[in-house]
């Protein structure tokens, strides 16, 4: 049971959940269109067609609504990537990770910008291992499944993550850039490394 801002206890109502979801989507749109600084509480309220006070009813600060929008975008990304990875056999999971990560970010460019802007403006202490460790584990399992030799899975995961970042950044700069072909190229390079 939670205490709502109006003092009542219990879970948020259906209307409150719908409004929060709307504010999260509006925040993603604004951050994608105008950057972090362009997504003020007043701009969020205006785009949602409500008052700033109504935004503050659901989120106490701009940082809170941006954090919720960032978490929403990350949850969608992680869900898609996890589903693709789980559907692949162990030996092919790193390639599935690359393809699905790039594919999701290509199909959801607003989420991509939201994730980037939130990371740039977040004062939190990020553990880099949280980013590369899951991929390193997939790489190690794939290497073992293929009977490949010893490789530095941490460095390989960092390099592949950097490649994904570069592909996505290039698409943000040039929307015509063929990210599917780039992801395939990166996956092929990774497969070659795992088969050595």
N, C-alpha and C. Protein backbone atom coordinates (compact mmCIF):
# COMPACT_ATOMS: atom_id res chain seq x y z
N UNK A 1 0.85 -1.17 0.00
CA UNK A 1 0.00 0.00 0.00
C UNK A 1 0.90 1.24 0.00
N UNK A 2 0.54 2.21 -0.79
CA UNK A 2 1.32 3.44 -0.89
C UNK A 2 0.46 4.64 -0.53
N UNK A 3 1.12 5.69 -0.09
CA UNK A 3 0.41 6.93 0.20
C UNK A 3 0.50 7.82 -1.04
N UNK A 4 -0.66 8.20 -1.55
CA UNK A 4 -0.70 9.07 -2.72
C UNK A 4 -0.51 10.51 -2.28
N UNK A 5 -0.25 11.37 -3.23
CA UNK A 5 -0.01 12.77 -2.92
C UNK A 5 -1.22 13.46 -2.30
N UNK A 6 -2.41 12.95 -2.58
CA UNK A 6 -3.61 13.57 -2.00
C UNK A 6 -3.88 13.08 -0.58
N UNK A 7 -2.95 12.26 -0.04
CA UNK A 7 -3.08 11.77 1.33
C UNK A 7 -3.77 10.43 1.43
N UNK A 8 -4.45 10.00 0.38
CA UNK A 8 -5.13 8.71 0.42
C UNK A 8 -4.09 7.59 0.33
N UNK A 9 -4.47 6.43 0.79
CA UNK A 9 -3.57 5.29 0.69
C UNK A 9 -4.10 4.33 -0.35
N UNK A 10 -3.24 3.47 -0.83
CA UNK A 10 -3.64 2.48 -1.81
C UNK A 10 -2.95 2.70 -3.14
N UNK A 11 -3.30 1.87 -4.06
CA UNK A 11 -2.71 1.94 -5.39
C UNK A 11 -3.32 3.10 -6.17
N UNK A 12 -2.55 3.65 -7.12
CA UNK A 12 -3.11 4.72 -7.96
C UNK A 12 -4.32 4.20 -8.74
N UNK A 13 -5.24 5.08 -8.98
CA UNK A 13 -6.44 4.70 -9.74
C UNK A 13 -6.07 4.50 -11.20
N UNK A 14 -7.00 3.94 -11.94
CA UNK A 14 -6.80 3.74 -13.38
C UNK A 14 -6.54 5.08 -14.06
N UNK A 15 -7.27 6.10 -13.68
CA UNK A 15 -7.08 7.43 -14.27
C UNK A 15 -5.70 7.98 -13.94
N UNK A 16 -5.27 7.79 -12.68
CA UNK A 16 -3.94 8.27 -12.30
C UNK A 16 -2.84 7.53 -13.06
N UNK A 17 -3.00 6.23 -13.23
CA UNK A 17 -2.00 5.46 -13.99
C UNK A 17 -1.98 5.91 -15.45
N UNK A 18 -3.14 6.17 -16.02
CA UNK A 18 -3.21 6.63 -17.41
C UNK A 18 -2.56 8.01 -17.56
N UNK A 19 -2.79 8.89 -16.60
CA UNK A 19 -2.19 10.23 -16.66
C UNK A 19 -0.67 10.14 -16.53
N UNK A 20 -0.18 9.30 -15.62
CA UNK A 20 1.27 9.12 -15.48
C UNK A 20 1.87 8.60 -16.79
N UNK A 21 1.20 7.63 -17.40
CA UNK A 21 1.68 7.08 -18.67
C UNK A 21 1.71 8.17 -19.75
N UNK A 22 0.68 9.01 -19.78
CA UNK A 22 0.65 10.11 -20.74
C UNK A 22 1.81 11.07 -20.49
N UNK A 23 2.06 11.40 -19.24
CA UNK A 23 3.15 12.33 -18.91
C UNK A 23 4.51 11.75 -19.26
N UNK A 24 4.66 10.46 -19.10
CA UNK A 24 5.91 9.80 -19.48
C UNK A 24 6.10 9.88 -20.99
N UNK A 25 5.05 9.58 -21.75
CA UNK A 25 5.15 9.65 -23.22
C UNK A 25 5.42 11.08 -23.69
N UNK A 26 4.75 12.04 -23.10
CA UNK A 26 4.96 13.44 -23.45
C UNK A 26 6.41 13.85 -23.14
N UNK A 27 6.92 13.41 -22.02
CA UNK A 27 8.31 13.73 -21.65
C UNK A 27 9.28 13.12 -22.64
N UNK A 28 9.04 11.88 -23.04
CA UNK A 28 9.91 11.24 -24.05
C UNK A 28 9.89 12.06 -25.34
N UNK A 29 8.70 12.46 -25.78
CA UNK A 29 8.58 13.27 -27.00
C UNK A 29 9.35 14.59 -26.87
N UNK A 30 9.16 15.27 -25.75
CA UNK A 30 9.82 16.57 -25.57
C UNK A 30 11.33 16.44 -25.49
N UNK A 31 11.81 15.46 -24.75
CA UNK A 31 13.26 15.27 -24.64
C UNK A 31 13.83 14.92 -26.01
N UNK A 32 13.13 14.09 -26.76
CA UNK A 32 13.59 13.71 -28.09
C UNK A 32 13.59 14.91 -29.04
N UNK A 33 12.57 15.75 -28.94
CA UNK A 33 12.44 16.89 -29.84
C UNK A 33 13.29 18.09 -29.45
N UNK A 34 13.38 18.36 -28.13
CA UNK A 34 14.01 19.60 -27.67
C UNK A 34 15.21 19.41 -26.75
N UNK A 35 15.52 18.17 -26.39
CA UNK A 35 16.58 17.93 -25.44
C UNK A 35 16.09 18.07 -24.01
N UNK A 36 16.96 17.72 -23.08
CA UNK A 36 16.60 17.73 -21.66
C UNK A 36 16.12 19.11 -21.23
N UNK A 37 16.84 20.15 -21.61
CA UNK A 37 16.48 21.50 -21.16
C UNK A 37 15.15 21.96 -21.74
N UNK A 38 14.75 21.42 -22.87
CA UNK A 38 13.48 21.80 -23.49
C UNK A 38 12.27 21.11 -22.89
N UNK A 39 12.52 20.16 -22.01
CA UNK A 39 11.42 19.42 -21.38
C UNK A 39 11.16 19.96 -19.98
N UNK A 40 10.79 21.21 -19.89
CA UNK A 40 10.47 21.81 -18.59
C UNK A 40 9.11 21.29 -18.12
N UNK A 41 8.83 21.48 -16.85
CA UNK A 41 7.52 21.08 -16.34
C UNK A 41 6.40 21.83 -17.07
N UNK A 42 6.64 23.11 -17.37
CA UNK A 42 5.63 23.89 -18.09
C UNK A 42 5.40 23.32 -19.48
N UNK A 43 6.48 22.93 -20.17
CA UNK A 43 6.34 22.36 -21.52
C UNK A 43 5.64 21.00 -21.47
N UNK A 44 5.96 20.20 -20.48
CA UNK A 44 5.30 18.90 -20.31
C UNK A 44 3.80 19.12 -20.09
N UNK A 45 3.47 20.04 -19.20
CA UNK A 45 2.06 20.33 -18.92
C UNK A 45 1.34 20.82 -20.17
N UNK A 46 1.97 21.75 -20.88
CA UNK A 46 1.34 22.30 -22.09
C UNK A 46 1.07 21.21 -23.12
N UNK A 47 2.07 20.36 -23.38
CA UNK A 47 1.89 19.33 -24.38
C UNK A 47 0.85 18.29 -23.93
N UNK A 48 0.76 18.06 -22.63
CA UNK A 48 -0.22 17.09 -22.12
C UNK A 48 -1.61 17.70 -22.01
N UNK A 49 -1.71 19.03 -22.13
CA UNK A 49 -2.99 19.70 -22.04
C UNK A 49 -3.52 19.81 -20.62
N UNK A 50 -2.58 19.90 -19.66
CA UNK A 50 -2.96 20.04 -18.26
C UNK A 50 -2.13 21.16 -17.63
N UNK A 51 -2.38 21.43 -16.38
CA UNK A 51 -1.63 22.47 -15.69
C UNK A 51 -0.32 21.91 -15.13
N UNK A 52 0.60 22.81 -14.85
CA UNK A 52 1.86 22.41 -14.22
C UNK A 52 1.59 21.77 -12.86
N UNK A 53 0.60 22.30 -12.14
CA UNK A 53 0.23 21.72 -10.84
C UNK A 53 -0.23 20.27 -10.99
N UNK A 54 -0.92 19.97 -12.09
CA UNK A 54 -1.36 18.60 -12.32
C UNK A 54 -0.17 17.67 -12.59
N UNK A 55 0.84 18.19 -13.28
CA UNK A 55 2.06 17.40 -13.48
C UNK A 55 2.70 17.11 -12.12
N UNK A 56 2.78 18.15 -11.30
CA UNK A 56 3.40 18.01 -9.98
C UNK A 56 2.61 17.09 -9.05
N UNK A 57 1.34 16.91 -9.31
CA UNK A 57 0.54 15.94 -8.54
C UNK A 57 1.10 14.53 -8.76
N UNK A 58 1.51 14.24 -10.00
CA UNK A 58 1.98 12.90 -10.36
C UNK A 58 3.48 12.71 -10.18
N UNK A 59 4.24 13.78 -10.39
CA UNK A 59 5.70 13.71 -10.28
C UNK A 59 6.16 14.96 -9.53
N UNK A 60 6.90 14.81 -8.43
CA UNK A 60 7.25 15.96 -7.60
C UNK A 60 8.24 16.94 -8.24
N UNK A 61 9.00 16.47 -9.24
CA UNK A 61 10.01 17.32 -9.87
C UNK A 61 10.17 16.93 -11.34
N UNK A 62 10.84 17.80 -12.06
CA UNK A 62 11.19 17.47 -13.45
C UNK A 62 12.08 16.24 -13.47
N UNK A 63 13.03 16.18 -12.55
CA UNK A 63 13.94 15.03 -12.50
C UNK A 63 13.16 13.73 -12.32
N UNK A 64 12.08 13.75 -11.54
CA UNK A 64 11.29 12.55 -11.30
C UNK A 64 10.57 12.09 -12.56
N UNK A 65 9.99 13.02 -13.30
CA UNK A 65 9.29 12.63 -14.52
C UNK A 65 10.28 12.19 -15.59
N UNK A 66 11.43 12.84 -15.67
CA UNK A 66 12.46 12.41 -16.64
C UNK A 66 12.98 11.02 -16.26
N UNK A 67 13.19 10.79 -14.98
CA UNK A 67 13.65 9.48 -14.52
C UNK A 67 12.63 8.40 -14.89
N UNK A 68 11.35 8.69 -14.70
CA UNK A 68 10.30 7.74 -15.05
C UNK A 68 10.27 7.48 -16.56
N UNK A 69 10.46 8.53 -17.34
CA UNK A 69 10.49 8.38 -18.81
C UNK A 69 11.70 7.56 -19.23
N UNK A 70 12.84 7.82 -18.61
CA UNK A 70 14.07 7.07 -18.90
C UNK A 70 13.86 5.59 -18.56
N UNK A 71 13.31 5.32 -17.39
CA UNK A 71 13.05 3.93 -16.98
C UNK A 71 12.08 3.25 -17.94
N UNK A 72 11.08 3.97 -18.40
CA UNK A 72 10.12 3.41 -19.37
C UNK A 72 10.84 3.01 -20.66
N UNK A 73 11.68 3.90 -21.18
CA UNK A 73 12.41 3.61 -22.42
C UNK A 73 13.37 2.43 -22.22
N UNK A 74 14.06 2.41 -21.09
CA UNK A 74 14.98 1.30 -20.82
C UNK A 74 14.25 -0.02 -20.65
N UNK A 75 13.10 -0.01 -20.00
CA UNK A 75 12.32 -1.23 -19.80
C UNK A 75 11.88 -1.80 -21.15
N UNK A 76 11.45 -0.94 -22.05
CA UNK A 76 11.05 -1.39 -23.39
C UNK A 76 12.24 -1.99 -24.13
N UNK A 77 13.39 -1.33 -24.06
CA UNK A 77 14.60 -1.82 -24.72
C UNK A 77 15.02 -3.17 -24.15
N UNK A 78 15.12 -3.26 -22.84
CA UNK A 78 15.56 -4.50 -22.18
C UNK A 78 14.58 -5.64 -22.48
N UNK A 79 13.29 -5.34 -22.49
CA UNK A 79 12.31 -6.37 -22.79
C UNK A 79 12.47 -6.93 -24.19
N UNK A 80 12.63 -6.07 -25.17
CA UNK A 80 12.82 -6.53 -26.56
C UNK A 80 14.11 -7.33 -26.71
N UNK A 81 15.19 -6.82 -26.15
CA UNK A 81 16.48 -7.50 -26.28
C UNK A 81 16.44 -8.86 -25.56
N UNK A 82 15.88 -8.88 -24.36
CA UNK A 82 15.79 -10.14 -23.61
C UNK A 82 14.98 -11.18 -24.38
N UNK A 83 13.88 -10.77 -24.99
CA UNK A 83 13.05 -11.71 -25.75
C UNK A 83 13.83 -12.28 -26.93
N UNK A 84 14.57 -11.44 -27.64
CA UNK A 84 15.36 -11.90 -28.79
C UNK A 84 16.47 -12.83 -28.35
N UNK A 85 17.13 -12.50 -27.25
CA UNK A 85 18.22 -13.32 -26.75
C UNK A 85 17.69 -14.69 -26.30
N UNK A 86 16.59 -14.69 -25.58
CA UNK A 86 16.01 -15.95 -25.10
C UNK A 86 15.56 -16.84 -26.25
N UNK A 87 15.14 -16.25 -27.35
CA UNK A 87 14.66 -17.03 -28.50
C UNK A 87 15.81 -17.68 -29.28
N UNK A 88 17.03 -17.19 -29.09
CA UNK A 88 18.19 -17.72 -29.82
C UNK A 88 18.84 -18.84 -29.02
N UNK A 89 19.54 -19.74 -29.72
CA UNK A 89 20.30 -20.75 -28.99
C UNK A 89 21.55 -20.10 -28.39
N UNK A 90 22.14 -20.74 -27.43
CA UNK A 90 23.24 -20.17 -26.66
C UNK A 90 24.36 -19.66 -27.55
N UNK A 91 24.71 -20.41 -28.58
CA UNK A 91 25.83 -20.03 -29.44
C UNK A 91 25.55 -18.76 -30.24
N UNK A 92 24.29 -18.43 -30.45
CA UNK A 92 23.92 -17.28 -31.27
C UNK A 92 23.34 -16.11 -30.49
N UNK A 93 23.36 -16.19 -29.18
CA UNK A 93 22.78 -15.13 -28.36
C UNK A 93 23.52 -13.79 -28.46
N UNK A 94 24.84 -13.76 -28.53
CA UNK A 94 25.49 -12.44 -28.68
C UNK A 94 25.06 -11.72 -29.97
N UNK A 95 24.95 -12.45 -31.07
CA UNK A 95 24.50 -11.84 -32.32
C UNK A 95 23.06 -11.38 -32.21
N UNK A 96 22.22 -12.17 -31.54
CA UNK A 96 20.83 -11.76 -31.33
C UNK A 96 20.77 -10.49 -30.50
N UNK A 97 21.65 -10.39 -29.52
CA UNK A 97 21.74 -9.18 -28.68
C UNK A 97 22.04 -7.96 -29.56
N UNK A 98 23.05 -8.07 -30.41
CA UNK A 98 23.45 -6.96 -31.28
C UNK A 98 22.30 -6.56 -32.20
N UNK A 99 21.74 -7.54 -32.89
CA UNK A 99 20.66 -7.24 -33.84
C UNK A 99 19.45 -6.61 -33.15
N UNK A 100 19.06 -7.17 -32.02
CA UNK A 100 17.86 -6.67 -31.34
C UNK A 100 18.10 -5.31 -30.70
N UNK A 101 19.29 -5.09 -30.15
CA UNK A 101 19.60 -3.80 -29.54
C UNK A 101 19.55 -2.70 -30.62
N UNK A 102 20.25 -2.91 -31.71
CA UNK A 102 20.26 -1.91 -32.79
C UNK A 102 18.87 -1.78 -33.40
N UNK A 103 18.18 -2.90 -33.59
CA UNK A 103 16.83 -2.87 -34.17
C UNK A 103 15.85 -2.09 -33.31
N UNK A 104 15.88 -2.32 -32.01
CA UNK A 104 14.97 -1.60 -31.13
C UNK A 104 15.25 -0.10 -31.17
N UNK A 105 16.50 0.26 -31.09
CA UNK A 105 16.86 1.68 -31.07
C UNK A 105 16.56 2.35 -32.42
N UNK A 106 16.66 1.57 -33.51
CA UNK A 106 16.29 2.10 -34.83
C UNK A 106 14.78 2.35 -34.90
N UNK A 107 14.01 1.41 -34.37
CA UNK A 107 12.55 1.51 -34.44
C UNK A 107 11.97 2.49 -33.43
N UNK A 108 12.73 2.87 -32.42
CA UNK A 108 12.27 3.78 -31.37
C UNK A 108 13.27 4.92 -31.18
N UNK A 109 13.43 5.77 -32.18
CA UNK A 109 14.44 6.83 -32.07
C UNK A 109 14.17 7.80 -30.91
N UNK A 110 12.92 8.00 -30.56
CA UNK A 110 12.64 8.88 -29.42
C UNK A 110 13.14 8.25 -28.11
N UNK A 111 13.00 6.94 -28.00
CA UNK A 111 13.54 6.26 -26.83
C UNK A 111 15.06 6.39 -26.79
N UNK A 112 15.67 6.29 -27.96
CA UNK A 112 17.12 6.42 -28.04
C UNK A 112 17.56 7.78 -27.50
N UNK A 113 16.92 8.82 -27.98
CA UNK A 113 17.28 10.17 -27.51
C UNK A 113 16.97 10.34 -26.02
N UNK A 114 15.88 9.75 -25.57
CA UNK A 114 15.53 9.83 -24.15
C UNK A 114 16.61 9.19 -23.29
N UNK A 115 17.05 8.01 -23.70
CA UNK A 115 18.07 7.29 -22.94
C UNK A 115 19.37 8.09 -22.91
N UNK A 116 19.77 8.62 -24.05
CA UNK A 116 21.01 9.40 -24.13
C UNK A 116 20.92 10.65 -23.28
N UNK A 117 19.86 11.41 -23.43
CA UNK A 117 19.71 12.66 -22.68
C UNK A 117 19.66 12.41 -21.17
N UNK A 118 18.93 11.37 -20.76
CA UNK A 118 18.83 11.07 -19.33
C UNK A 118 20.18 10.67 -18.76
N UNK A 119 20.95 9.91 -19.52
CA UNK A 119 22.27 9.50 -19.03
C UNK A 119 23.21 10.69 -18.92
N UNK A 120 23.14 11.60 -19.87
CA UNK A 120 24.00 12.77 -19.86
C UNK A 120 23.66 13.69 -18.69
N UNK A 121 22.39 13.81 -18.35
CA UNK A 121 21.96 14.75 -17.32
C UNK A 121 21.74 14.12 -15.95
N UNK A 122 21.96 12.83 -15.83
CA UNK A 122 21.78 12.17 -14.55
C UNK A 122 23.05 12.30 -13.73
N UNK A 123 22.90 12.73 -12.49
CA UNK A 123 24.05 12.88 -11.61
C UNK A 123 24.36 11.59 -10.85
N UNK A 124 23.64 10.53 -11.16
CA UNK A 124 23.83 9.27 -10.45
C UNK A 124 25.18 8.65 -10.74
N UNK A 125 25.56 7.73 -9.89
CA UNK A 125 26.82 7.03 -10.02
C UNK A 125 26.55 5.73 -10.79
N UNK A 126 26.97 5.68 -12.06
CA UNK A 126 26.72 4.52 -12.90
C UNK A 126 27.87 3.53 -12.80
N UNK A 127 27.53 2.27 -12.69
CA UNK A 127 28.51 1.20 -12.68
C UNK A 127 28.67 0.72 -14.12
N UNK A 128 29.83 0.95 -14.74
CA UNK A 128 30.00 0.54 -16.14
C UNK A 128 29.78 -0.96 -16.35
N UNK A 129 30.07 -1.76 -15.34
CA UNK A 129 29.89 -3.21 -15.47
C UNK A 129 28.42 -3.57 -15.70
N UNK A 130 27.51 -2.75 -15.21
CA UNK A 130 26.09 -3.03 -15.42
C UNK A 130 25.76 -3.03 -16.91
N UNK A 131 26.53 -2.32 -17.69
CA UNK A 131 26.30 -2.25 -19.13
C UNK A 131 26.96 -3.41 -19.86
N UNK A 132 28.24 -3.67 -19.58
CA UNK A 132 28.96 -4.69 -20.36
C UNK A 132 28.84 -6.10 -19.81
N UNK A 133 28.56 -6.26 -18.52
CA UNK A 133 28.55 -7.60 -17.89
C UNK A 133 27.54 -8.56 -18.51
N UNK A 134 26.28 -8.16 -18.75
CA UNK A 134 25.34 -9.13 -19.36
C UNK A 134 25.81 -9.62 -20.73
N UNK A 135 26.34 -8.72 -21.54
CA UNK A 135 26.83 -9.13 -22.86
C UNK A 135 28.06 -10.02 -22.71
N UNK A 136 28.94 -9.71 -21.77
CA UNK A 136 30.13 -10.54 -21.54
C UNK A 136 29.71 -11.96 -21.17
N UNK A 137 28.68 -12.09 -20.37
CA UNK A 137 28.19 -13.43 -19.99
C UNK A 137 27.63 -14.17 -21.20
N UNK A 138 26.91 -13.47 -22.07
CA UNK A 138 26.41 -14.10 -23.30
C UNK A 138 27.56 -14.54 -24.19
N UNK A 139 28.56 -13.69 -24.30
CA UNK A 139 29.74 -14.00 -25.13
C UNK A 139 30.46 -15.23 -24.59
N UNK A 140 30.66 -15.28 -23.28
CA UNK A 140 31.36 -16.41 -22.68
C UNK A 140 30.59 -17.71 -22.89
N UNK A 141 29.27 -17.68 -22.69
CA UNK A 141 28.46 -18.88 -22.89
C UNK A 141 28.48 -19.32 -24.35
N UNK A 142 28.43 -18.36 -25.28
CA UNK A 142 28.48 -18.69 -26.70
C UNK A 142 29.83 -19.28 -27.08
N UNK A 143 30.89 -18.70 -26.52
CA UNK A 143 32.24 -19.21 -26.79
C UNK A 143 32.34 -20.66 -26.34
N UNK A 144 31.84 -20.96 -25.15
CA UNK A 144 31.89 -22.34 -24.65
C UNK A 144 31.02 -23.27 -25.49
N UNK A 145 29.84 -22.80 -25.91
CA UNK A 145 28.95 -23.62 -26.74
C UNK A 145 29.56 -23.94 -28.09
N UNK A 146 30.37 -23.05 -28.59
CA UNK A 146 31.02 -23.24 -29.90
C UNK A 146 32.35 -23.97 -29.79
N UNK A 147 32.83 -24.12 -28.57
CA UNK A 147 34.13 -24.75 -28.39
C UNK A 147 35.28 -23.85 -28.79
N UNK A 148 35.01 -22.53 -28.76
CA UNK A 148 36.04 -21.57 -29.15
C UNK A 148 37.12 -21.42 -28.10
N UNK A 149 38.19 -20.74 -28.48
CA UNK A 149 39.31 -20.52 -27.58
C UNK A 149 39.03 -19.42 -26.57
N UNK A 150 40.04 -19.16 -25.78
CA UNK A 150 39.93 -18.13 -24.74
C UNK A 150 39.93 -16.73 -25.36
N UNK A 151 39.01 -15.91 -24.93
CA UNK A 151 39.00 -14.49 -25.32
C UNK A 151 38.70 -13.66 -24.08
N UNK A 152 39.06 -12.42 -24.15
CA UNK A 152 38.77 -11.49 -23.06
C UNK A 152 37.32 -11.03 -23.25
N UNK A 153 36.39 -11.65 -22.54
CA UNK A 153 34.97 -11.36 -22.75
C UNK A 153 34.60 -9.95 -22.33
N UNK A 154 35.27 -9.44 -21.31
CA UNK A 154 34.97 -8.07 -20.87
C UNK A 154 35.32 -7.08 -21.98
N UNK A 155 36.53 -7.19 -22.51
CA UNK A 155 36.96 -6.27 -23.57
C UNK A 155 36.10 -6.44 -24.81
N UNK A 156 35.79 -7.69 -25.15
CA UNK A 156 34.94 -7.94 -26.32
C UNK A 156 33.57 -7.29 -26.14
N UNK A 157 32.98 -7.43 -24.95
CA UNK A 157 31.67 -6.82 -24.67
C UNK A 157 31.75 -5.30 -24.73
N UNK A 158 32.82 -4.72 -24.22
CA UNK A 158 32.99 -3.26 -24.26
C UNK A 158 33.11 -2.79 -25.71
N UNK A 159 33.88 -3.51 -26.51
CA UNK A 159 34.05 -3.15 -27.93
C UNK A 159 32.72 -3.26 -28.68
N UNK A 160 32.01 -4.35 -28.46
CA UNK A 160 30.72 -4.54 -29.14
C UNK A 160 29.73 -3.46 -28.69
N UNK A 161 29.70 -3.16 -27.39
CA UNK A 161 28.82 -2.10 -26.89
C UNK A 161 29.16 -0.76 -27.54
N UNK A 162 30.46 -0.48 -27.69
CA UNK A 162 30.88 0.75 -28.36
C UNK A 162 30.45 0.76 -29.82
N UNK A 163 30.52 -0.41 -30.47
CA UNK A 163 30.06 -0.51 -31.85
C UNK A 163 28.57 -0.23 -31.98
N UNK A 164 27.79 -0.77 -31.05
CA UNK A 164 26.35 -0.52 -31.04
C UNK A 164 26.09 0.98 -30.85
N UNK A 165 26.79 1.57 -29.89
CA UNK A 165 26.63 3.02 -29.65
C UNK A 165 26.93 3.83 -30.91
N UNK A 166 28.01 3.46 -31.60
CA UNK A 166 28.41 4.20 -32.80
C UNK A 166 27.38 4.04 -33.91
N UNK A 167 26.84 2.84 -34.08
CA UNK A 167 25.82 2.61 -35.11
C UNK A 167 24.58 3.46 -34.82
N UNK A 168 24.15 3.45 -33.57
CA UNK A 168 22.96 4.22 -33.18
C UNK A 168 23.21 5.71 -33.34
N UNK A 169 24.39 6.17 -32.93
CA UNK A 169 24.73 7.59 -33.07
C UNK A 169 24.75 8.01 -34.54
N UNK A 170 25.25 7.15 -35.39
CA UNK A 170 25.29 7.46 -36.82
C UNK A 170 23.88 7.57 -37.38
N UNK A 171 22.98 6.70 -36.93
CA UNK A 171 21.60 6.77 -37.41
C UNK A 171 20.90 8.04 -36.92
N UNK A 172 21.21 8.47 -35.70
CA UNK A 172 20.63 9.72 -35.21
C UNK A 172 21.10 10.90 -36.05
N UNK A 173 22.34 10.83 -36.51
CA UNK A 173 22.90 11.90 -37.35
C UNK A 173 22.39 11.78 -38.79
N UNK A 174 22.30 10.54 -39.28
CA UNK A 174 21.89 10.28 -40.66
C UNK A 174 20.78 9.22 -40.64
N UNK A 175 19.52 9.66 -40.65
CA UNK A 175 18.40 8.71 -40.57
C UNK A 175 18.37 7.68 -41.70
N UNK A 176 19.08 7.94 -42.80
CA UNK A 176 19.12 6.99 -43.91
C UNK A 176 20.20 5.92 -43.75
N UNK A 177 21.02 6.05 -42.72
CA UNK A 177 22.08 5.07 -42.49
C UNK A 177 21.44 3.70 -42.25
N UNK A 178 21.97 2.69 -42.90
CA UNK A 178 21.40 1.34 -42.83
C UNK A 178 21.90 0.62 -41.58
N UNK A 179 21.18 0.81 -40.49
CA UNK A 179 21.60 0.21 -39.22
C UNK A 179 21.42 -1.30 -39.21
N UNK A 180 20.47 -1.82 -39.97
CA UNK A 180 20.29 -3.27 -40.03
C UNK A 180 21.54 -3.92 -40.63
N UNK A 181 22.05 -3.34 -41.71
CA UNK A 181 23.26 -3.87 -42.33
C UNK A 181 24.46 -3.69 -41.40
N UNK A 182 24.52 -2.57 -40.71
CA UNK A 182 25.62 -2.32 -39.78
C UNK A 182 25.57 -3.32 -38.62
N UNK A 183 24.38 -3.58 -38.09
CA UNK A 183 24.25 -4.55 -37.01
C UNK A 183 24.64 -5.94 -37.48
N UNK A 184 24.26 -6.27 -38.70
CA UNK A 184 24.63 -7.58 -39.26
C UNK A 184 26.15 -7.69 -39.39
N UNK A 185 26.79 -6.61 -39.84
CA UNK A 185 28.25 -6.60 -39.97
C UNK A 185 28.91 -6.79 -38.60
N UNK A 186 28.42 -6.08 -37.59
CA UNK A 186 28.97 -6.21 -36.24
C UNK A 186 28.73 -7.62 -35.70
N UNK A 187 27.55 -8.18 -35.93
CA UNK A 187 27.26 -9.54 -35.47
C UNK A 187 28.17 -10.56 -36.15
N UNK A 188 28.45 -10.36 -37.43
CA UNK A 188 29.34 -11.25 -38.17
C UNK A 188 30.77 -11.17 -37.61
N UNK A 189 31.22 -9.96 -37.32
CA UNK A 189 32.55 -9.79 -36.72
C UNK A 189 32.61 -10.50 -35.36
N UNK A 190 31.56 -10.36 -34.57
CA UNK A 190 31.52 -10.99 -33.25
C UNK A 190 31.51 -12.51 -33.40
N UNK A 191 30.70 -13.03 -34.35
CA UNK A 191 30.68 -14.47 -34.59
C UNK A 191 32.05 -15.01 -34.95
N UNK A 192 32.79 -14.27 -35.78
CA UNK A 192 34.14 -14.70 -36.16
C UNK A 192 35.05 -14.76 -34.95
N UNK A 193 34.92 -13.79 -34.07
CA UNK A 193 35.73 -13.78 -32.84
C UNK A 193 35.41 -14.96 -31.96
N UNK A 194 34.13 -15.29 -31.85
CA UNK A 194 33.71 -16.38 -30.98
C UNK A 194 34.09 -17.75 -31.53
N UNK A 195 34.31 -17.84 -32.81
CA UNK A 195 34.62 -19.12 -33.45
C UNK A 195 36.12 -19.41 -33.50
N UNK A 196 36.93 -18.46 -33.05
CA UNK A 196 38.39 -18.65 -33.11
C UNK A 196 38.85 -19.66 -32.09
